[in-house]
Amino acid sequence: MMDYAELQHKTDDQLADELLSLKKEQFNLRFQSATGQLQSPTRARAVRRTIARIMTLQNARRRASASA
């Protein structure tokens, strides 16, 4: 799990790649949950929160560049 400070040091492209991989992982975790094969329910929560952190950072960067 990445915290906000770690994510701030990544470029926009790196964030987009990370977001894509996390969304794929989230899909797989949801699929595992639906079939009863999920090993770690806490991982699904951590992935969801990291996705939210990345999206928050991306939106903040967009607002900053639009106002500059």
PDB file of N, CA and C in Angstrom:
ATOM      1  N   MET A   1       0.837  -1.175   0.000  1.00  0.00           N
ATOM      2  CA  MET A   1       0.000   0.000   0.000  1.00  0.00           C
ATOM      3  C   MET A   1       0.884   1.240   0.000  1.00  0.00           C
ATOM      4  N   MET A   2       0.535   2.182  -0.842  1.00  0.00           N
ATOM      5  CA  MET A   2       1.320   3.404  -0.938  1.00  0.00           C
ATOM      6  C   MET A   2       0.615   4.534  -0.209  1.00  0.00           C
ATOM      7  N   ASP A   3       1.391   5.336   0.472  1.00  0.00           N
ATOM      8  CA  ASP A   3       0.773   6.494   1.100  1.00  0.00           C
ATOM      9  C   ASP A   3       0.893   7.706   0.170  1.00  0.00           C
ATOM     10  N   TYR A   4       0.220   8.761   0.537  1.00  0.00           N
ATOM     11  CA  TYR A   4       0.113   9.941  -0.307  1.00  0.00           C
ATOM     12  C   TYR A   4       1.478  10.557  -0.599  1.00  0.00           C
ATOM     13  N   ALA A   5       2.366  10.559   0.375  1.00  0.00           N
ATOM     14  CA  ALA A   5       3.695  11.155   0.190  1.00  0.00           C
ATOM     15  C   ALA A   5       4.500  10.398  -0.870  1.00  0.00           C
ATOM     16  N   GLU A   6       4.397   9.079  -0.891  1.00  0.00           N
ATOM     17  CA  GLU A   6       5.101   8.295  -1.898  1.00  0.00           C
ATOM     18  C   GLU A   6       4.550   8.580  -3.289  1.00  0.00           C
ATOM     19  N   LEU A   7       3.243   8.724  -3.379  1.00  0.00           N
ATOM     20  CA  LEU A   7       2.606   8.956  -4.672  1.00  0.00           C
ATOM     21  C   LEU A   7       2.947  10.332  -5.237  1.00  0.00           C
ATOM     22  N   GLN A   8       3.181  11.307  -4.376  1.00  0.00           N
ATOM     23  CA  GLN A   8       3.488  12.662  -4.831  1.00  0.00           C
ATOM     24  C   GLN A   8       4.794  12.721  -5.611  1.00  0.00           C
ATOM     25  N   HIS A   9       5.684  11.783  -5.371  1.00  0.00           N
ATOM     26  CA  HIS A   9       6.988  11.788  -6.041  1.00  0.00           C
ATOM     27  C   HIS A   9       6.942  11.140  -7.416  1.00  0.00           C
ATOM     28  N   LYS A  10       5.809  10.575  -7.782  1.00  0.00           N
ATOM     29  CA  LYS A  10       5.682   9.912  -9.086  1.00  0.00           C
ATOM     30  C   LYS A  10       5.209  10.900 -10.143  1.00  0.00           C
ATOM     31  N   THR A  11       5.579  10.616 -11.377  1.00  0.00           N
ATOM     32  CA  THR A  11       5.133  11.451 -12.489  1.00  0.00           C
ATOM     33  C   THR A  11       3.693  11.097 -12.846  1.00  0.00           C
ATOM     34  N   ASP A  12       3.090  11.922 -13.696  1.00  0.00           N
ATOM     35  CA  ASP A  12       1.715  11.678 -14.116  1.00  0.00           C
ATOM     36  C   ASP A  12       1.580  10.343 -14.843  1.00  0.00           C
ATOM     37  N   ASP A  13       2.562  10.019 -15.674  1.00  0.00           N
ATOM     38  CA  ASP A  13       2.528   8.741 -16.394  1.00  0.00           C
ATOM     39  C   ASP A  13       2.652   7.554 -15.438  1.00  0.00           C
ATOM     40  N   GLN A  14       3.521   7.681 -14.453  1.00  0.00           N
ATOM     41  CA  GLN A  14       3.675   6.611 -13.475  1.00  0.00           C
ATOM     42  C   GLN A  14       2.390   6.421 -12.680  1.00  0.00           C
ATOM     43  N   LEU A  15       1.734   7.523 -12.336  1.00  0.00           N
ATOM     44  CA  LEU A  15       0.468   7.433 -11.614  1.00  0.00           C
ATOM     45  C   LEU A  15      -0.603   6.756 -12.458  1.00  0.00           C
ATOM     46  N   ALA A  16      -0.645   7.082 -13.732  1.00  0.00           N
ATOM     47  CA  ALA A  16      -1.631   6.471 -14.625  1.00  0.00           C
ATOM     48  C   ALA A  16      -1.392   4.967 -14.744  1.00  0.00           C
ATOM     49  N   ASP A  17      -0.129   4.570 -14.852  1.00  0.00           N
ATOM     50  CA  ASP A  17       0.207   3.145 -14.927  1.00  0.00           C
ATOM     51  C   ASP A  17      -0.165   2.427 -13.634  1.00  0.00           C
ATOM     52  N   GLU A  18       0.141   3.056 -12.514  1.00  0.00           N
ATOM     53  CA  GLU A  18      -0.180   2.472 -11.213  1.00  0.00           C
ATOM     54  C   GLU A  18      -1.693   2.332 -11.045  1.00  0.00           C
ATOM     55  N   LEU A  19      -2.426   3.357 -11.484  1.00  0.00           N
ATOM     56  CA  LEU A  19      -3.883   3.321 -11.388  1.00  0.00           C
ATOM     57  C   LEU A  19      -4.455   2.186 -12.225  1.00  0.00           C
ATOM     58  N   LEU A  20      -3.928   2.014 -13.419  1.00  0.00           N
ATOM     59  CA  LEU A  20      -4.397   0.938 -14.289  1.00  0.00           C
ATOM     60  C   LEU A  20      -4.153  -0.433 -13.662  1.00  0.00           C
ATOM     61  N   SER A  21      -2.970  -0.634 -13.116  1.00  0.00           N
ATOM     62  CA  SER A  21      -2.663  -1.933 -12.517  1.00  0.00           C
ATOM     63  C   SER A  21      -3.511  -2.182 -11.269  1.00  0.00           C
ATOM     64  N   LEU A  22      -3.773  -1.134 -10.494  1.00  0.00           N
ATOM     65  CA  LEU A  22      -4.605  -1.298  -9.305  1.00  0.00           C
ATOM     66  C   LEU A  22      -6.057  -1.588  -9.665  1.00  0.00           C
ATOM     67  N   LYS A  23      -6.548  -0.975 -10.724  1.00  0.00           N
ATOM     68  CA  LYS A  23      -7.918  -1.254 -11.158  1.00  0.00           C
ATOM     69  C   LYS A  23      -8.058  -2.696 -11.641  1.00  0.00           C
ATOM     70  N   LYS A  24      -7.023  -3.213 -12.314  1.00  0.00           N
ATOM     71  CA  LYS A  24      -7.035  -4.610 -12.722  1.00  0.00           C
ATOM     72  C   LYS A  24      -7.027  -5.525 -11.499  1.00  0.00           C
ATOM     73  N   GLU A  25      -6.198  -5.175 -10.520  1.00  0.00           N
ATOM     74  CA  GLU A  25      -6.141  -5.969  -9.298  1.00  0.00           C
ATOM     75  C   GLU A  25      -7.477  -5.916  -8.560  1.00  0.00           C
ATOM     76  N   GLN A  26      -8.099  -4.732  -8.533  1.00  0.00           N
ATOM     77  CA  GLN A  26      -9.394  -4.590  -7.879  1.00  0.00           C
ATOM     78  C   GLN A  26     -10.443  -5.475  -8.557  1.00  0.00           C
ATOM     79  N   PHE A  27     -10.415  -5.512  -9.877  1.00  0.00           N
ATOM     80  CA  PHE A  27     -11.341  -6.377 -10.611  1.00  0.00           C
ATOM     81  C   PHE A  27     -11.125  -7.837 -10.231  1.00  0.00           C
ATOM     82  N   ASN A  28      -9.869  -8.259 -10.206  1.00  0.00           N
ATOM     83  CA  ASN A  28      -9.565  -9.640  -9.845  1.00  0.00           C
ATOM     84  C   ASN A  28      -9.992  -9.961  -8.418  1.00  0.00           C
ATOM     85  N   LEU A  29      -9.791  -9.014  -7.506  1.00  0.00           N
ATOM     86  CA  LEU A  29     -10.197  -9.233  -6.123  1.00  0.00           C
ATOM     87  C   LEU A  29     -11.713  -9.326  -6.002  1.00  0.00           C
ATOM     88  N   ARG A  30     -12.431  -8.494  -6.755  1.00  0.00           N
ATOM     89  CA  ARG A  30     -13.897  -8.573  -6.733  1.00  0.00           C
ATOM     90  C   ARG A  30     -14.365  -9.909  -7.289  1.00  0.00           C
ATOM     91  N   PHE A  31     -13.706 -10.377  -8.329  1.00  0.00           N
ATOM     92  CA  PHE A  31     -14.059 -11.658  -8.924  1.00  0.00           C
ATOM     93  C   PHE A  31     -13.805 -12.787  -7.926  1.00  0.00           C
ATOM     94  N   GLN A  32     -12.668 -12.741  -7.242  1.00  0.00           N
ATOM     95  CA  GLN A  32     -12.350 -13.748  -6.232  1.00  0.00           C
ATOM     96  C   GLN A  32     -13.368 -13.717  -5.093  1.00  0.00           C
ATOM     97  N   SER A  33     -13.782 -12.524  -4.714  1.00  0.00           N
ATOM     98  CA  SER A  33     -14.769 -12.381  -3.644  1.00  0.00           C
ATOM     99  C   SER A  33     -16.100 -12.994  -4.045  1.00  0.00           C
ATOM    100  N   ALA A  34     -16.499 -12.779  -5.279  1.00  0.00           N
ATOM    101  CA  ALA A  34     -17.780 -13.295  -5.753  1.00  0.00           C
ATOM    102  C   ALA A  34     -17.775 -14.818  -5.833  1.00  0.00           C
ATOM    103  N   THR A  35     -16.610 -15.400  -6.112  1.00  0.00           N
ATOM    104  CA  THR A  35     -16.538 -16.856  -6.226  1.00  0.00           C
ATOM    105  C   THR A  35     -16.121 -17.511  -4.909  1.00  0.00           C
ATOM    106  N   GLY A  36     -15.925 -16.707  -3.880  1.00  0.00           N
ATOM    107  CA  GLY A  36     -15.575 -17.255  -2.572  1.00  0.00           C
ATOM    108  C   GLY A  36     -14.133 -17.676  -2.432  1.00  0.00           C
ATOM    109  N   GLN A  37     -13.249 -17.155  -3.263  1.00  0.00           N
ATOM    110  CA  GLN A  37     -11.839 -17.547  -3.238  1.00  0.00           C
ATOM    111  C   GLN A  37     -10.927 -16.455  -2.693  1.00  0.00           C
ATOM    112  N   LEU A  38     -11.502 -15.396  -2.173  1.00  0.00           N
ATOM    113  CA  LEU A  38     -10.699 -14.260  -1.704  1.00  0.00           C
ATOM    114  C   LEU A  38      -9.915 -14.655  -0.454  1.00  0.00           C
ATOM    115  N   GLN A  39      -8.589 -14.492  -0.514  1.00  0.00           N
ATOM    116  CA  GLN A  39      -7.719 -14.867   0.589  1.00  0.00           C
ATOM    117  C   GLN A  39      -7.617 -13.759   1.639  1.00  0.00           C
ATOM    118  N   SER A  40      -7.547 -12.515   1.179  1.00  0.00           N
ATOM    119  CA  SER A  40      -7.324 -11.401   2.100  1.00  0.00           C
ATOM    120  C   SER A  40      -8.305 -10.263   1.821  1.00  0.00           C
ATOM    121  N   PRO A  41      -9.382 -10.178   2.581  1.00  0.00           N
ATOM    122  CA  PRO A  41     -10.350  -9.097   2.370  1.00  0.00           C
ATOM    123  C   PRO A  41      -9.750  -7.708   2.622  1.00  0.00           C
ATOM    124  N   THR A  42      -8.729  -7.640   3.453  1.00  0.00           N
ATOM    125  CA  THR A  42      -8.123  -6.341   3.734  1.00  0.00           C
ATOM    126  C   THR A  42      -7.367  -5.800   2.527  1.00  0.00           C
ATOM    127  N   ARG A  43      -6.909  -6.689   1.655  1.00  0.00           N
ATOM    128  CA  ARG A  43      -6.202  -6.233   0.446  1.00  0.00           C
ATOM    129  C   ARG A  43      -7.148  -5.458  -0.461  1.00  0.00           C
ATOM    130  N   ALA A  44      -8.398  -5.895  -0.556  1.00  0.00           N
ATOM    131  CA  ALA A  44      -9.378  -5.197  -1.385  1.00  0.00           C
ATOM    132  C   ALA A  44      -9.584  -3.776  -0.870  1.00  0.00           C
ATOM    133  N   ARG A  45      -9.644  -3.623   0.431  1.00  0.00           N
ATOM    134  CA  ARG A  45      -9.817  -2.297   1.028  1.00  0.00           C
ATOM    135  C   ARG A  45      -8.593  -1.414   0.764  1.00  0.00           C
ATOM    136  N   ALA A  46      -7.407  -1.985   0.902  1.00  0.00           N
ATOM    137  CA  ALA A  46      -6.175  -1.234   0.674  1.00  0.00           C
ATOM    138  C   ALA A  46      -6.067  -0.783  -0.783  1.00  0.00           C
ATOM    139  N   VAL A  47      -6.436  -1.659  -1.709  1.00  0.00           N
ATOM    140  CA  VAL A  47      -6.390  -1.315  -3.133  1.00  0.00           C
ATOM    141  C   VAL A  47      -7.372  -0.187  -3.417  1.00  0.00           C
ATOM    142  N   ARG A  48      -8.574  -0.286  -2.878  1.00  0.00           N
ATOM    143  CA  ARG A  48      -9.586   0.745  -3.096  1.00  0.00           C
ATOM    144  C   ARG A  48      -9.113   2.105  -2.573  1.00  0.00           C
ATOM    145  N   ARG A  49      -8.499   2.110  -1.427  1.00  0.00           N
ATOM    146  CA  ARG A  49      -8.015   3.372  -0.847  1.00  0.00           C
ATOM    147  C   ARG A  49      -6.831   3.946  -1.616  1.00  0.00           C
ATOM    148  N   THR A  50      -5.951   3.085  -2.114  1.00  0.00           N
ATOM    149  CA  THR A  50      -4.822   3.571  -2.910  1.00  0.00           C
ATOM    150  C   THR A  50      -5.317   4.159  -4.226  1.00  0.00           C
ATOM    151  N   ILE A  51      -6.335   3.534  -4.835  1.00  0.00           N
ATOM    152  CA  ILE A  51      -6.938   4.085  -6.050  1.00  0.00           C
ATOM    153  C   ILE A  51      -7.483   5.479  -5.759  1.00  0.00           C
ATOM    154  N   ALA A  52      -8.143   5.641  -4.635  1.00  0.00           N
ATOM    155  CA  ALA A  52      -8.700   6.945  -4.266  1.00  0.00           C
ATOM    156  C   ALA A  52      -7.591   7.979  -4.063  1.00  0.00           C
ATOM    157  N   ARG A  53      -6.480   7.569  -3.453  1.00  0.00           N
ATOM    158  CA  ARG A  53      -5.352   8.489  -3.253  1.00  0.00           C
ATOM    159  C   ARG A  53      -4.784   8.961  -4.595  1.00  0.00           C
ATOM    160  N   ILE A  54      -4.624   8.025  -5.523  1.00  0.00           N
ATOM    161  CA  ILE A  54      -4.082   8.379  -6.836  1.00  0.00           C
ATOM    162  C   ILE A  54      -5.025   9.330  -7.562  1.00  0.00           C
ATOM    163  N   MET A  55      -6.311   9.029  -7.537  1.00  0.00           N
ATOM    164  CA  MET A  55      -7.273   9.885  -8.230  1.00  0.00           C
ATOM    165  C   MET A  55      -7.334  11.276  -7.591  1.00  0.00           C
ATOM    166  N   THR A  56      -7.214  11.345  -6.274  1.00  0.00           N
ATOM    167  CA  THR A  56      -7.192  12.628  -5.582  1.00  0.00           C
ATOM    168  C   THR A  56      -5.972  13.446  -6.000  1.00  0.00           C
ATOM    169  N   LEU A  57      -4.827  12.796  -6.062  1.00  0.00           N
ATOM    170  CA  LEU A  57      -3.600  13.479  -6.470  1.00  0.00           C
ATOM    171  C   LEU A  57      -3.688  13.951  -7.919  1.00  0.00           C
ATOM    172  N   GLN A  58      -4.226  13.113  -8.802  1.00  0.00           N
ATOM    173  CA  GLN A  58      -4.379  13.504 -10.204  1.00  0.00           C
ATOM    174  C   GLN A  58      -5.308  14.710 -10.337  1.00  0.00           C
ATOM    175  N   ASN A  59      -6.408  14.714  -9.600  1.00  0.00           N
ATOM    176  CA  ASN A  59      -7.333  15.847  -9.656  1.00  0.00           C
ATOM    177  C   ASN A  59      -6.692  17.114  -9.110  1.00  0.00           C
ATOM    178  N   ALA A  60      -5.916  16.994  -8.056  1.00  0.00           N
ATOM    179  CA  ALA A  60      -5.233  18.153  -7.489  1.00  0.00           C
ATOM    180  C   ALA A  60      -4.229  18.734  -8.495  1.00  0.00           C
ATOM    181  N   ARG A  61      -3.522  17.845  -9.188  1.00  0.00           N
ATOM    182  CA  ARG A  61      -2.560  18.325 -10.190  1.00  0.00           C
ATOM    183  C   ARG A  61      -3.272  19.002 -11.353  1.00  0.00           C
ATOM    184  N   ARG A  62      -4.407  18.446 -11.765  1.00  0.00           N
ATOM    185  CA  ARG A  62      -5.165  19.076 -12.859  1.00  0.00           C
ATOM    186  C   ARG A  62      -5.661  20.465 -12.460  1.00  0.00           C
ATOM    187  N   ARG A  63      -6.160  20.588 -11.231  1.00  0.00           N
ATOM    188  CA  ARG A  63      -6.636  21.895 -10.758  1.00  0.00           C
ATOM    189  C   ARG A  63      -5.499  22.887 -10.656  1.00  0.00           C
ATOM    190  N   ALA A  64      -4.339  22.422 -10.208  1.00  0.00           N
ATOM    191  CA  ALA A  64      -3.186  23.312 -10.067  1.00  0.00           C
ATOM    192  C   ALA A  64      -2.704  23.802 -11.430  1.00  0.00           C
ATOM    193  N   SER A  65      -2.700  22.913 -12.419  1.00  0.00           N
ATOM    194  CA  SER A  65      -2.230  23.322 -13.742  1.00  0.00           C
ATOM    195  C   SER A  65      -3.268  24.201 -14.447  1.00  0.00           C
ATOM    196  N   ALA A  66      -4.528  24.020 -14.143  1.00  0.00           N
ATOM    197  CA  ALA A  66      -5.571  24.835 -14.771  1.00  0.00           C
ATOM    198  C   ALA A  66      -5.579  26.248 -14.210  1.00  0.00           C
ATOM    199  N   SER A  67      -5.253  26.394 -12.933  1.00  0.00           N
ATOM    200  CA  SER A  67      -5.275  27.715 -12.319  1.00  0.00           C
ATOM    201  C   SER A  67      -3.967  28.480 -12.559  1.00  0.00           C
ATOM    202  N   ALA A  68      -2.926  27.781 -12.977  1.00  0.00           N
ATOM    203  CA  ALA A  68      -1.627  28.448 -13.188  1.00  0.00           C
ATOM    204  C   ALA A  68      -1.555  29.163 -14.507  1.00  0.00           C
TER     205      ALA A  68
END
